[in-house]
Amino acid sequence: MTSEPSLFDRSLQRRRLIRALRSETGYSDFLLSRVVEDLVDRLAAVKRNFNVMLDLGTPVPAVAAALSRLNPAGSVVRASPVSGPEGRGTVAADEELLPFARESFDLVASILAMQNVNDLPGAFVQVRRILKPDGLFLAAFFGGETLKELRAAFAQAESEIDGGISPRISPFVDLRDLGGLLQRAGFALPVADVDRVTVRYGSPLSLMRDLRGMGLTNTLTERSRRPLRRATLLRACEVYFERFADKDGRLPATFDILWLSGWAPHESQQKPLRPGSARTRLADVLQDRSLPPLPDHKA
């Protein structure tokens, strides 16, 4: 029996992340810090205590620290594919193979860690398995149209200079797919939304430097092994300016942060109505003249 080929080289991903964490400038955490603040706001709106919590795969311990502040009496486990100088007490774990017992956690939170998982539905199933009944899964990762400008610039440059296109930017999951994936994994009350962040740069090279600082350079299994030609890189930078520069000459870079949440099923949760149990007919509602008219559609 042969397994399906992996989209991402997970070993290379770990090496790139280790390089970012151990570089002189350290991990580039400006986006992660923003997302962690959003995580805290979202959890603050949930009126319950989570006593046993898991920080799954987040590159630095910022999420574990935030969870500890939210519930000082609770316990937090940090699971990471890499260990660093702050790694004491961290469980070595991969998002694709979780080493935890069934129904171990009240909350699993994962920030900017799951965008390069090969088997995302399988990872969701594993998270569902380790959640206690009525436990919450809350995650944020890059998706949608993230880095669309850089992708387009490289595609045009390679087409012009090299006569063909090789994958330079990883494909990202679409927001519309996430709710269905959570349902298939057995989650109740699935919700998915997107936070679009636009970061402006002075040059594409500054953007690429930040991507290296986040460990987000190309780790596709089918990536080109040939070194990037200087002429191709320079043309990609020119295309970026030509097609996307703002009026002040700054360059926008799009990051779509996909948020998803789902609950491990529990009898206390809301249930959908049984077919045929509604007490009001749709026809009666449509005939109610007190309802406001639909607005005109203008092209």
C-alpha atoms as a PDB file:
ATOM      1  CA  MET A   1       0.000   0.000   0.000  1.00  0.00           C
ATOM      2  CA  THR A   2       1.510   3.340  -1.057  1.00  0.00           C
ATOM      3  CA  SER A   3       0.848   6.574   0.775  1.00  0.00           C
ATOM      4  CA  GLU A   4      -0.029   9.819  -0.971  1.00  0.00           C
ATOM      5  CA  PRO A   5       2.954  12.114  -1.619  1.00  0.00           C
ATOM      6  CA  SER A   6       3.408  14.904   0.915  1.00  0.00           C
ATOM      7  CA  LEU A   7       2.814  18.464  -0.238  1.00  0.00           C
ATOM      8  CA  PHE A   8       5.233  19.962   2.298  1.00  0.00           C
ATOM      9  CA  ASP A   9       8.683  18.849   3.422  1.00  0.00           C
ATOM     10  CA  ARG A  10       8.081  18.831   7.175  1.00  0.00           C
ATOM     11  CA  SER A  11      11.724  18.129   8.041  1.00  0.00           C
ATOM     12  CA  LEU A  12      12.815  21.156   6.025  1.00  0.00           C
ATOM     13  CA  GLN A  13      10.118  23.230   7.722  1.00  0.00           C
ATOM     14  CA  ARG A  14      11.540  22.398  11.132  1.00  0.00           C
ATOM     15  CA  ARG A  15      15.059  23.293  10.025  1.00  0.00           C
ATOM     16  CA  ARG A  16      13.876  26.635   8.604  1.00  0.00           C
ATOM     17  CA  LEU A  17      11.984  27.427  11.804  1.00  0.00           C
ATOM     18  CA  ILE A  18      14.988  26.520  13.951  1.00  0.00           C
ATOM     19  CA  ARG A  19      17.138  28.816  11.818  1.00  0.00           C
ATOM     20  CA  ALA A  20      14.651  31.668  12.337  1.00  0.00           C
ATOM     21  CA  LEU A  21      14.456  31.102  16.095  1.00  0.00           C
ATOM     22  CA  ARG A  22      18.242  30.975  16.490  1.00  0.00           C
ATOM     23  CA  SER A  23      19.135  33.854  14.168  1.00  0.00           C
ATOM     24  CA  GLU A  24      20.750  37.004  15.549  1.00  0.00           C
ATOM     25  CA  THR A  25      17.543  38.982  15.095  1.00  0.00           C
ATOM     26  CA  GLY A  26      15.323  36.177  16.433  1.00  0.00           C
ATOM     27  CA  TYR A  27      11.884  35.112  15.266  1.00  0.00           C
ATOM     28  CA  SER A  28       9.985  37.851  13.402  1.00  0.00           C
ATOM     29  CA  ASP A  29       6.931  37.988  15.664  1.00  0.00           C
ATOM     30  CA  PHE A  30       5.075  41.154  14.640  1.00  0.00           C
ATOM     31  CA  LEU A  31       2.220  39.227  12.983  1.00  0.00           C
ATOM     32  CA  LEU A  32       2.099  36.571  15.670  1.00  0.00           C
ATOM     33  CA  SER A  33       1.851  39.233  18.387  1.00  0.00           C
ATOM     34  CA  ARG A  34      -1.167  40.752  16.664  1.00  0.00           C
ATOM     35  CA  VAL A  35      -2.856  37.362  16.336  1.00  0.00           C
ATOM     36  CA  VAL A  36      -2.171  36.472  19.978  1.00  0.00           C
ATOM     37  CA  GLU A  37      -3.918  39.700  21.030  1.00  0.00           C
ATOM     38  CA  ASP A  38      -6.904  38.652  18.917  1.00  0.00           C
ATOM     39  CA  LEU A  39      -6.826  35.206  20.524  1.00  0.00           C
ATOM     40  CA  VAL A  40      -7.012  36.760  23.989  1.00  0.00           C
ATOM     41  CA  ASP A  41      -9.998  38.900  22.945  1.00  0.00           C
ATOM     42  CA  ARG A  42     -11.816  35.895  21.496  1.00  0.00           C
ATOM     43  CA  LEU A  43     -11.244  33.759  24.585  1.00  0.00           C
ATOM     44  CA  ALA A  44     -12.270  36.600  26.903  1.00  0.00           C
ATOM     45  CA  ALA A  45     -15.691  36.541  25.213  1.00  0.00           C
ATOM     46  CA  VAL A  46     -16.148  32.846  26.123  1.00  0.00           C
ATOM     47  CA  LYS A  47     -17.786  32.727  29.552  1.00  0.00           C
ATOM     48  CA  ARG A  48     -16.094  29.660  30.976  1.00  0.00           C
ATOM     49  CA  ASN A  49     -12.830  28.529  32.486  1.00  0.00           C
ATOM     50  CA  PHE A  50     -10.464  26.188  30.678  1.00  0.00           C
ATOM     51  CA  ASN A  51      -8.465  24.295  33.259  1.00  0.00           C
ATOM     52  CA  VAL A  52      -6.187  22.160  31.071  1.00  0.00           C
ATOM     53  CA  MET A  53      -4.974  23.939  27.931  1.00  0.00           C
ATOM     54  CA  LEU A  54      -2.721  23.054  25.013  1.00  0.00           C
ATOM     55  CA  ASP A  55      -0.690  25.489  22.910  1.00  0.00           C
ATOM     56  CA  LEU A  56      -0.297  23.472  19.721  1.00  0.00           C
ATOM     57  CA  GLY A  57       2.646  24.237  17.462  1.00  0.00           C
ATOM     58  CA  THR A  58       2.873  27.998  17.933  1.00  0.00           C
ATOM     59  CA  PRO A  59       6.483  28.905  16.982  1.00  0.00           C
ATOM     60  CA  VAL A  60       7.239  30.861  20.197  1.00  0.00           C
ATOM     61  CA  PRO A  61       5.760  30.585  23.732  1.00  0.00           C
ATOM     62  CA  ALA A  62       3.606  33.707  23.433  1.00  0.00           C
ATOM     63  CA  VAL A  63       0.340  31.734  23.320  1.00  0.00           C
ATOM     64  CA  ALA A  64       1.258  29.592  26.329  1.00  0.00           C
ATOM     65  CA  ALA A  65       2.052  32.765  28.273  1.00  0.00           C
ATOM     66  CA  ALA A  66      -1.243  34.381  27.238  1.00  0.00           C
ATOM     67  CA  LEU A  67      -3.243  31.302  28.262  1.00  0.00           C
ATOM     68  CA  SER A  68      -1.527  31.294  31.656  1.00  0.00           C
ATOM     69  CA  ARG A  69      -2.484  34.937  32.194  1.00  0.00           C
ATOM     70  CA  LEU A  70      -6.102  34.248  31.258  1.00  0.00           C
ATOM     71  CA  ASN A  71      -6.394  31.439  33.798  1.00  0.00           C
ATOM     72  CA  PRO A  72      -3.538  31.505  36.338  1.00  0.00           C
ATOM     73  CA  ALA A  73      -5.073  28.554  38.177  1.00  0.00           C
ATOM     74  CA  GLY A  74      -5.127  26.400  35.041  1.00  0.00           C
ATOM     75  CA  SER A  75      -2.351  24.311  33.551  1.00  0.00           C
ATOM     76  CA  VAL A  76      -0.841  24.902  30.103  1.00  0.00           C
ATOM     77  CA  VAL A  77       1.041  22.386  27.979  1.00  0.00           C
ATOM     78  CA  ARG A  78       3.090  23.686  25.080  1.00  0.00           C
ATOM     79  CA  ALA A  79       3.619  21.326  22.144  1.00  0.00           C
ATOM     80  CA  SER A  80       6.158  22.371  19.526  1.00  0.00           C
ATOM     81  CA  PRO A  81       7.945  20.636  16.619  1.00  0.00           C
ATOM     82  CA  VAL A  82      11.176  22.371  17.663  1.00  0.00           C
ATOM     83  CA  SER A  83      12.843  23.078  20.979  1.00  0.00           C
ATOM     84  CA  GLY A  84      14.661  26.282  21.748  1.00  0.00           C
ATOM     85  CA  PRO A  85      16.282  27.971  24.721  1.00  0.00           C
ATOM     86  CA  GLU A  86      12.778  28.547  26.111  1.00  0.00           C
ATOM     87  CA  GLY A  87      11.775  24.946  25.449  1.00  0.00           C
ATOM     88  CA  ARG A  88      11.878  23.656  29.051  1.00  0.00           C
ATOM     89  CA  GLY A  89       8.535  22.058  29.787  1.00  0.00           C
ATOM     90  CA  THR A  90       7.696  21.866  26.088  1.00  0.00           C
ATOM     91  CA  VAL A  91       6.461  18.591  24.622  1.00  0.00           C
ATOM     92  CA  ALA A  92       8.134  17.696  21.325  1.00  0.00           C
ATOM     93  CA  ALA A  93       5.192  17.078  19.012  1.00  0.00           C
ATOM     94  CA  ASP A  94       4.160  17.432  15.405  1.00  0.00           C
ATOM     95  CA  GLU A  95       0.719  18.777  14.491  1.00  0.00           C
ATOM     96  CA  GLU A  96       0.266  15.707  12.302  1.00  0.00           C
ATOM     97  CA  LEU A  97       0.999  13.181  15.100  1.00  0.00           C
ATOM     98  CA  LEU A  98      -0.185  14.247  18.551  1.00  0.00           C
ATOM     99  CA  PRO A  99       1.187  12.221  21.511  1.00  0.00           C
ATOM    100  CA  PHE A 100      -1.685  12.965  23.905  1.00  0.00           C
ATOM    101  CA  ALA A 101      -4.359  10.722  25.369  1.00  0.00           C
ATOM    102  CA  ARG A 102      -8.006  10.962  24.383  1.00  0.00           C
ATOM    103  CA  GLU A 103     -10.001  13.710  26.144  1.00  0.00           C
ATOM    104  CA  SER A 104      -6.967  15.353  27.768  1.00  0.00           C
ATOM    105  CA  PHE A 105      -7.674  19.073  27.251  1.00  0.00           C
ATOM    106  CA  ASP A 106     -10.410  21.638  27.780  1.00  0.00           C
ATOM    107  CA  LEU A 107      -8.868  23.970  25.193  1.00  0.00           C
ATOM    108  CA  VAL A 108      -6.521  23.537  22.239  1.00  0.00           C
ATOM    109  CA  ALA A 109      -5.169  26.770  20.730  1.00  0.00           C
ATOM    110  CA  SER A 110      -2.863  26.923  17.712  1.00  0.00           C
ATOM    111  CA  ILE A 111      -1.516  30.162  16.247  1.00  0.00           C
ATOM    112  CA  LEU A 112       0.258  30.452  12.863  1.00  0.00           C
ATOM    113  CA  ALA A 113       1.288  26.803  12.942  1.00  0.00           C
ATOM    114  CA  MET A 114      -1.083  24.743  10.781  1.00  0.00           C
ATOM    115  CA  GLN A 115      -0.824  26.376   7.339  1.00  0.00           C
ATOM    116  CA  ASN A 116       1.788  23.843   6.202  1.00  0.00           C
ATOM    117  CA  VAL A 117       0.246  20.664   7.600  1.00  0.00           C
ATOM    118  CA  ASN A 118       0.065  17.967   4.942  1.00  0.00           C
ATOM    119  CA  ASP A 119      -3.108  16.328   6.238  1.00  0.00           C
ATOM    120  CA  LEU A 120      -5.221  19.145   7.684  1.00  0.00           C
ATOM    121  CA  PRO A 121      -8.423  17.044   8.037  1.00  0.00           C
ATOM    122  CA  GLY A 122      -6.412  14.372   9.847  1.00  0.00           C
ATOM    123  CA  ALA A 123      -4.874  16.979  12.165  1.00  0.00           C
ATOM    124  CA  PHE A 124      -8.369  18.252  13.002  1.00  0.00           C
ATOM    125  CA  VAL A 125      -9.490  14.700  13.830  1.00  0.00           C
ATOM    126  CA  GLN A 126      -6.558  14.313  16.220  1.00  0.00           C
ATOM    127  CA  VAL A 127      -7.354  17.609  17.929  1.00  0.00           C
ATOM    128  CA  ARG A 128     -10.973  16.515  18.293  1.00  0.00           C
ATOM    129  CA  ARG A 129      -9.799  13.253  19.874  1.00  0.00           C
ATOM    130  CA  ILE A 130      -7.715  14.941  22.597  1.00  0.00           C
ATOM    131  CA  LEU A 131     -10.446  17.423  23.564  1.00  0.00           C
ATOM    132  CA  LYS A 132     -12.726  16.707  26.484  1.00  0.00           C
ATOM    133  CA  PRO A 133     -16.490  16.861  25.785  1.00  0.00           C
ATOM    134  CA  ASP A 134     -17.458  20.532  25.349  1.00  0.00           C
ATOM    135  CA  GLY A 135     -13.782  21.413  24.863  1.00  0.00           C
ATOM    136  CA  LEU A 136     -12.862  24.224  22.462  1.00  0.00           C
ATOM    137  CA  PHE A 137     -10.491  24.223  19.499  1.00  0.00           C
ATOM    138  CA  LEU A 138      -9.383  27.694  18.410  1.00  0.00           C
ATOM    139  CA  ALA A 139      -6.804  28.170  15.662  1.00  0.00           C
ATOM    140  CA  ALA A 140      -5.462  30.842  13.347  1.00  0.00           C
ATOM    141  CA  PHE A 141      -3.189  30.309  10.372  1.00  0.00           C
ATOM    142  CA  PHE A 142      -2.274  31.830   7.031  1.00  0.00           C
ATOM    143  CA  GLY A 143      -4.672  31.079   4.194  1.00  0.00           C
ATOM    144  CA  GLY A 144      -6.797  32.596   1.445  1.00  0.00           C
ATOM    145  CA  GLU A 145      -4.911  35.168  -0.623  1.00  0.00           C
ATOM    146  CA  THR A 146      -1.862  35.429   1.616  1.00  0.00           C
ATOM    147  CA  LEU A 147       1.173  36.778  -0.315  1.00  0.00           C
ATOM    148  CA  LYS A 148      -0.855  37.103  -3.513  1.00  0.00           C
ATOM    149  CA  GLU A 149       1.315  40.018  -4.664  1.00  0.00           C
ATOM    150  CA  LEU A 150       4.587  38.143  -4.232  1.00  0.00           C
ATOM    151  CA  ARG A 151       3.140  35.075  -5.916  1.00  0.00           C
ATOM    152  CA  ALA A 152       2.036  37.098  -8.957  1.00  0.00           C
ATOM    153  CA  ALA A 153       5.373  38.927  -9.200  1.00  0.00           C
ATOM    154  CA  PHE A 154       7.390  35.713  -9.200  1.00  0.00           C
ATOM    155  CA  ALA A 155       5.042  34.030 -11.676  1.00  0.00           C
ATOM    156  CA  GLN A 156       5.446  36.855 -14.194  1.00  0.00           C
ATOM    157  CA  ALA A 157       9.205  37.136 -13.678  1.00  0.00           C
ATOM    158  CA  GLU A 158       9.820  33.407 -14.104  1.00  0.00           C
ATOM    159  CA  SER A 159       7.600  33.272 -17.159  1.00  0.00           C
ATOM    160  CA  GLU A 160       9.579  36.096 -18.776  1.00  0.00           C
ATOM    161  CA  ILE A 161      13.122  35.145 -17.678  1.00  0.00           C
ATOM    162  CA  ASP A 162      13.032  31.368 -17.296  1.00  0.00           C
ATOM    163  CA  GLY A 163      10.298  30.432 -19.748  1.00  0.00           C
ATOM    164  CA  GLY A 164       8.216  28.635 -17.121  1.00  0.00           C
ATOM    165  CA  ILE A 165       6.784  28.865 -13.618  1.00  0.00           C
ATOM    166  CA  SER A 166       7.916  26.890 -10.569  1.00  0.00           C
ATOM    167  CA  PRO A 167       6.061  26.924  -7.226  1.00  0.00           C
ATOM    168  CA  ARG A 168       7.618  29.656  -5.080  1.00  0.00           C
ATOM    169  CA  ILE A 169       4.765  30.385  -2.664  1.00  0.00           C
ATOM    170  CA  SER A 170       2.923  27.630  -0.801  1.00  0.00           C
ATOM    171  CA  PRO A 171      -0.753  27.085  -1.636  1.00  0.00           C
ATOM    172  CA  PHE A 172      -3.118  28.123   1.140  1.00  0.00           C
ATOM    173  CA  VAL A 173      -6.417  26.664   2.278  1.00  0.00           C
ATOM    174  CA  ASP A 174      -9.573  28.596   1.381  1.00  0.00           C
ATOM    175  CA  LEU A 175     -11.831  29.957   4.125  1.00  0.00           C
ATOM    176  CA  ARG A 176     -14.891  28.333   2.543  1.00  0.00           C
ATOM    177  CA  ASP A 177     -13.433  24.861   3.111  1.00  0.00           C
ATOM    178  CA  LEU A 178     -12.745  25.149   6.835  1.00  0.00           C
ATOM    179  CA  GLY A 179     -16.261  24.794   8.234  1.00  0.00           C
ATOM    180  CA  GLY A 180     -16.789  21.587   6.275  1.00  0.00           C
ATOM    181  CA  LEU A 181     -13.431  20.198   7.396  1.00  0.00           C
ATOM    182  CA  LEU A 182     -14.308  20.837  11.036  1.00  0.00           C
ATOM    183  CA  GLN A 183     -17.679  19.146  10.649  1.00  0.00           C
ATOM    184  CA  ARG A 184     -16.068  16.119   9.011  1.00  0.00           C
ATOM    185  CA  ALA A 185     -13.660  15.912  11.952  1.00  0.00           C
ATOM    186  CA  GLY A 186     -16.608  15.704  14.362  1.00  0.00           C
ATOM    187  CA  PHE A 187     -16.666  19.253  15.732  1.00  0.00           C
ATOM    188  CA  ALA A 188     -19.901  20.929  16.763  1.00  0.00           C
ATOM    189  CA  LEU A 189     -20.781  24.586  16.152  1.00  0.00           C
ATOM    190  CA  PRO A 190     -17.939  25.223  13.661  1.00  0.00           C
ATOM    191  CA  VAL A 191     -17.132  28.848  12.823  1.00  0.00           C
ATOM    192  CA  ALA A 192     -14.549  30.250  10.403  1.00  0.00           C
ATOM    193  CA  ASP A 193     -13.696  33.862   9.563  1.00  0.00           C
ATOM    194  CA  VAL A 194     -10.810  35.843   8.109  1.00  0.00           C
ATOM    195  CA  ASP A 195      -8.765  38.814   9.276  1.00  0.00           C
ATOM    196  CA  ARG A 196      -6.976  40.436   6.352  1.00  0.00           C
ATOM    197  CA  VAL A 197      -3.764  42.190   7.340  1.00  0.00           C
ATOM    198  CA  THR A 198      -1.885  44.380   4.867  1.00  0.00           C
ATOM    199  CA  VAL A 199       1.739  45.075   5.721  1.00  0.00           C
ATOM    200  CA  ARG A 200       3.572  47.739   3.713  1.00  0.00           C
ATOM    201  CA  TYR A 201       7.232  47.424   2.776  1.00  0.00           C
ATOM    202  CA  GLY A 202       9.893  49.561   1.169  1.00  0.00           C
ATOM    203  CA  SER A 203      11.018  46.692  -1.058  1.00  0.00           C
ATOM    204  CA  PRO A 204      10.181  43.047  -1.792  1.00  0.00           C
ATOM    205  CA  LEU A 205      13.517  42.073  -0.239  1.00  0.00           C
ATOM    206  CA  SER A 206      12.333  43.398   3.121  1.00  0.00           C
ATOM    207  CA  LEU A 207       9.230  41.201   2.850  1.00  0.00           C
ATOM    208  CA  MET A 208      11.353  38.170   1.992  1.00  0.00           C
ATOM    209  CA  ARG A 209      13.576  38.909   4.996  1.00  0.00           C
ATOM    210  CA  ASP A 210      10.532  38.862   7.265  1.00  0.00           C
ATOM    211  CA  LEU A 211       9.336  35.582   5.749  1.00  0.00           C
ATOM    212  CA  ARG A 212      12.714  34.016   6.528  1.00  0.00           C
ATOM    213  CA  GLY A 213      12.420  35.439  10.035  1.00  0.00           C
ATOM    214  CA  MET A 214       9.115  33.603  10.464  1.00  0.00           C
ATOM    215  CA  GLY A 215      10.435  30.352   9.010  1.00  0.00           C
ATOM    216  CA  LEU A 216       7.982  30.685   6.111  1.00  0.00           C
ATOM    217  CA  THR A 217      10.224  30.228   3.095  1.00  0.00           C
ATOM    218  CA  ASN A 218       9.378  27.677   0.417  1.00  0.00           C
ATOM    219  CA  THR A 219       9.198  24.091   1.747  1.00  0.00           C
ATOM    220  CA  LEU A 220       7.072  22.541  -0.987  1.00  0.00           C
ATOM    221  CA  THR A 221       8.116  19.001  -1.798  1.00  0.00           C
ATOM    222  CA  GLU A 222       7.871  19.800  -5.529  1.00  0.00           C
ATOM    223  CA  ARG A 223       9.811  23.063  -5.277  1.00  0.00           C
ATOM    224  CA  SER A 224      12.547  23.794  -7.785  1.00  0.00           C
ATOM    225  CA  ARG A 225      15.993  22.704  -6.571  1.00  0.00           C
ATOM    226  CA  ARG A 226      17.738  25.171  -8.859  1.00  0.00           C
ATOM    227  CA  PRO A 227      19.078  28.332  -7.165  1.00  0.00           C
ATOM    228  CA  LEU A 228      16.980  31.406  -7.861  1.00  0.00           C
ATOM    229  CA  ARG A 229      18.659  33.369 -10.644  1.00  0.00           C
ATOM    230  CA  ARG A 230      19.608  36.946  -9.832  1.00  0.00           C
ATOM    231  CA  ALA A 231      17.924  38.175 -13.018  1.00  0.00           C
ATOM    232  CA  THR A 232      14.677  36.446 -12.017  1.00  0.00           C
ATOM    233  CA  LEU A 233      14.762  37.933  -8.523  1.00  0.00           C
ATOM    234  CA  LEU A 234      15.425  41.436  -9.849  1.00  0.00           C
ATOM    235  CA  ARG A 235      12.612  41.134 -12.387  1.00  0.00           C
ATOM    236  CA  ALA A 236      10.237  39.895  -9.671  1.00  0.00           C
ATOM    237  CA  CYS A 237      11.065  42.987  -7.610  1.00  0.00           C
ATOM    238  CA  GLU A 238      10.424  45.216 -10.649  1.00  0.00           C
ATOM    239  CA  VAL A 239       7.063  43.541 -11.318  1.00  0.00           C
ATOM    240  CA  TYR A 240       6.075  43.948  -7.667  1.00  0.00           C
ATOM    241  CA  PHE A 241       6.688  47.711  -7.918  1.00  0.00           C
ATOM    242  CA  GLU A 242       5.042  48.021 -11.332  1.00  0.00           C
ATOM    243  CA  ARG A 243       1.850  46.169 -10.436  1.00  0.00           C
ATOM    244  CA  PHE A 244       1.288  46.736  -6.732  1.00  0.00           C
ATOM    245  CA  ALA A 245       3.084  49.842  -5.430  1.00  0.00           C
ATOM    246  CA  ASP A 246       0.935  52.391  -3.599  1.00  0.00           C
ATOM    247  CA  LYS A 247       1.031  56.056  -4.602  1.00  0.00           C
ATOM    248  CA  ASP A 248       3.764  56.723  -2.038  1.00  0.00           C
ATOM    249  CA  GLY A 249       5.915  53.916  -3.463  1.00  0.00           C
ATOM    250  CA  ARG A 250       5.362  51.518  -0.566  1.00  0.00           C
ATOM    251  CA  LEU A 251       4.521  47.899  -1.368  1.00  0.00           C
ATOM    252  CA  PRO A 252       1.513  46.123   0.176  1.00  0.00           C
ATOM    253  CA  ALA A 253       1.796  42.486   1.243  1.00  0.00           C
ATOM    254  CA  THR A 254      -1.440  40.659   2.008  1.00  0.00           C
ATOM    255  CA  PHE A 255      -1.712  38.211   4.912  1.00  0.00           C
ATOM    256  CA  ASP A 256      -5.072  36.510   5.358  1.00  0.00           C
ATOM    257  CA  ILE A 257      -5.350  35.133   8.896  1.00  0.00           C
ATOM    258  CA  LEU A 258      -7.985  32.392   8.854  1.00  0.00           C
ATOM    259  CA  TRP A 259      -9.671  31.847  12.208  1.00  0.00           C
ATOM    260  CA  LEU A 260     -11.597  28.726  13.040  1.00  0.00           C
ATOM    261  CA  SER A 261     -13.287  27.382  16.132  1.00  0.00           C
ATOM    262  CA  GLY A 262     -15.180  24.224  16.959  1.00  0.00           C
ATOM    263  CA  TRP A 263     -16.392  22.424  20.056  1.00  0.00           C
ATOM    264  CA  ALA A 264     -16.123  18.789  21.011  1.00  0.00           C
ATOM    265  CA  PRO A 265     -19.744  17.601  21.110  1.00  0.00           C
ATOM    266  CA  HIS A 266     -21.604  17.646  24.429  1.00  0.00           C
ATOM    267  CA  GLU A 267     -25.244  17.127  25.335  1.00  0.00           C
ATOM    268  CA  SER A 268     -25.524  20.681  26.712  1.00  0.00           C
ATOM    269  CA  GLN A 269     -24.819  22.272  23.314  1.00  0.00           C
ATOM    270  CA  GLN A 270     -27.476  23.659  21.015  1.00  0.00           C
ATOM    271  CA  LYS A 271     -28.891  21.157  18.560  1.00  0.00           C
ATOM    272  CA  PRO A 272     -30.383  21.853  15.122  1.00  0.00           C
ATOM    273  CA  LEU A 273     -34.153  21.452  14.894  1.00  0.00           C
ATOM    274  CA  ARG A 274     -35.488  18.167  13.581  1.00  0.00           C
ATOM    275  CA  PRO A 275     -36.901  18.345  10.038  1.00  0.00           C
ATOM    276  CA  GLY A 276     -40.605  19.145  10.226  1.00  0.00           C
ATOM    277  CA  SER A 277     -40.479  20.562  13.759  1.00  0.00           C
ATOM    278  CA  ALA A 278     -40.795  24.250  12.765  1.00  0.00           C
ATOM    279  CA  ARG A 279     -44.003  25.950  13.974  1.00  0.00           C
ATOM    280  CA  THR A 280     -44.077  28.725  11.357  1.00  0.00           C
ATOM    281  CA  ARG A 281     -44.557  28.099   7.664  1.00  0.00           C
ATOM    282  CA  LEU A 282     -42.115  29.754   5.266  1.00  0.00           C
ATOM    283  CA  ALA A 283     -45.058  30.820   3.091  1.00  0.00           C
ATOM    284  CA  ASP A 284     -46.589  32.719   6.023  1.00  0.00           C
ATOM    285  CA  VAL A 285     -43.328  34.558   6.647  1.00  0.00           C
ATOM    286  CA  LEU A 286     -42.991  35.506   2.991  1.00  0.00           C
ATOM    287  CA  GLN A 287     -46.508  36.920   2.995  1.00  0.00           C
ATOM    288  CA  ASP A 288     -45.841  39.101   6.051  1.00  0.00           C
ATOM    289  CA  ARG A 289     -45.946  42.637   4.662  1.00  0.00           C
ATOM    290  CA  SER A 290     -44.176  44.005   7.751  1.00  0.00           C
ATOM    291  CA  LEU A 291     -40.888  42.560   6.516  1.00  0.00           C
ATOM    292  CA  PRO A 292     -38.661  45.162   4.849  1.00  0.00           C
ATOM    293  CA  PRO A 293     -38.251  44.847   1.069  1.00  0.00           C
ATOM    294  CA  LEU A 294     -34.992  43.612  -0.374  1.00  0.00           C
ATOM    295  CA  PRO A 295     -32.728  46.439  -1.624  1.00  0.00           C
ATOM    296  CA  ASP A 296     -32.303  46.915  -5.367  1.00  0.00           C
ATOM    297  CA  HIS A 297     -29.162  45.359  -6.796  1.00  0.00           C
ATOM    298  CA  LYS A 298     -27.068  47.874  -8.683  1.00  0.00           C
ATOM    299  CA  ALA A 299     -24.242  46.633 -10.905  1.00  0.00           C
END
